[in-house]
Protein backbone atom coordinates (compact mmCIF):
# COMPACT_ATOMS: atom_id res chain seq x y z
CA UNK A 1 239.42 133.44 127.92
CA UNK A 2 241.75 134.33 124.79
CA UNK A 3 241.59 132.27 121.49
CA UNK A 4 244.94 130.72 122.55
CA UNK A 5 243.45 129.24 126.08
CA UNK A 6 240.22 128.22 123.60
CA UNK A 7 242.08 126.38 120.99
CA UNK A 8 244.22 124.78 124.27
CA UNK A 9 241.05 123.65 125.65
CA UNK A 10 239.39 122.42 123.05
CA UNK A 11 242.55 120.37 121.97
CA UNK A 12 242.59 118.92 125.60
CA UNK A 13 238.87 118.03 125.11
CA UNK A 14 238.59 116.61 122.13
CA UNK A 15 241.78 115.03 121.60
CA UNK A 16 243.12 116.65 118.51
CA UNK A 17 246.04 118.54 117.99
CA UNK A 18 246.24 122.05 118.63
CA UNK A 19 247.27 122.84 115.15
CA UNK A 20 244.13 121.08 114.04
CA UNK A 21 241.83 122.46 116.41
CA UNK A 22 243.23 126.35 115.49
CA UNK A 23 242.81 125.59 112.04
CA UNK A 24 238.93 124.62 112.51
CA UNK A 25 238.38 127.79 114.69
CA UNK A 26 240.17 130.05 112.19
CA UNK A 27 237.99 128.35 109.28
CA UNK A 28 234.81 129.10 111.37
CA UNK A 29 236.04 132.30 112.08
CA UNK A 30 236.50 133.13 108.40
CA UNK A 31 233.22 131.68 107.39
CA UNK A 32 231.38 133.42 109.77
CA UNK A 33 233.55 136.90 108.81
CA UNK A 34 232.42 136.74 104.84
CA UNK A 35 228.86 135.78 105.37
CA UNK A 36 228.17 138.80 107.99
CA UNK A 37 230.51 140.55 105.51
CA UNK A 38 227.54 140.05 102.73
CA UNK A 39 224.74 140.64 105.04
CA UNK A 40 223.74 137.34 105.80
CA UNK A 41 222.99 135.67 109.47
CA UNK A 42 224.70 133.18 110.75
CA UNK A 43 223.11 130.64 113.65
CA UNK A 44 223.62 128.18 115.95
CA UNK A 45 220.51 126.50 117.20
CA UNK A 46 221.27 127.12 120.49
CA UNK A 47 223.95 129.14 121.09
CA UNK A 48 223.30 132.09 119.54
CA UNK A 49 222.98 134.44 116.05
CA UNK A 50 225.83 136.48 114.36
CA UNK A 51 223.53 139.47 112.47
CA UNK A 52 224.61 142.47 111.23
CA UNK A 53 222.81 145.89 111.98
CA UNK A 54 222.45 149.05 110.48
CA UNK A 55 223.21 151.81 113.24
CA UNK A 56 221.55 155.21 111.80
CA UNK A 57 223.61 158.36 110.87
CA UNK A 58 223.09 161.11 114.30
CA UNK A 59 224.54 164.03 115.44
CA UNK A 60 227.02 163.83 118.25
CA UNK A 61 229.51 166.24 120.24
CA UNK A 62 233.45 166.43 119.92
CA UNK A 63 233.84 166.66 123.65
CA UNK A 64 237.33 168.36 123.41
CA UNK A 65 235.48 171.05 121.41
CA UNK A 66 231.41 170.79 122.09
CA UNK A 67 231.55 171.65 118.77
CA UNK A 68 228.35 169.28 117.42
CA UNK A 69 229.67 166.58 114.43
CA UNK A 70 227.11 164.37 111.99
CA UNK A 71 228.24 160.72 113.06
CA UNK A 72 227.19 159.08 109.60
CA UNK A 73 224.99 155.96 109.08
CA UNK A 74 227.12 152.31 109.56
CA UNK A 75 226.55 148.67 109.66
CA UNK A 76 227.88 146.84 112.80
CA UNK A 77 227.90 143.53 113.68
CA UNK A 78 225.69 142.16 116.77
CA UNK A 79 225.44 138.54 118.43
CA UNK A 80 222.26 137.78 119.96
CA UNK A 81 222.40 134.59 122.67
CA UNK A 82 220.64 132.04 122.08
CA UNK A 83 218.21 130.26 124.82
CA UNK A 84 220.67 127.50 125.51
CA UNK A 85 223.37 130.18 126.19
CA UNK A 86 221.72 132.29 128.21
CA UNK A 87 220.34 129.50 130.16
CA UNK A 88 223.89 128.47 131.03
CA UNK A 89 225.05 131.90 132.11
CA UNK A 90 222.33 132.28 134.36
């Protein structure tokens, strides 16, 4: 399912217009992105938690040349599924 499919499905189930649903979805995604950029967590009880995690630096290998390279430390977004979501997927 892509974003267009999601907007269409929500609009059909809620009775709202596709334009309104897309505006709400874009607002939600913007708020989650802004919170993660600040280092905050976004918890949706039963669904899951969006957060950032620090990935430590390490030594890697260039597959083309075989040379060792240093991969720097970085911060990456992560999602941890909640219990209700886990149960629904089982």
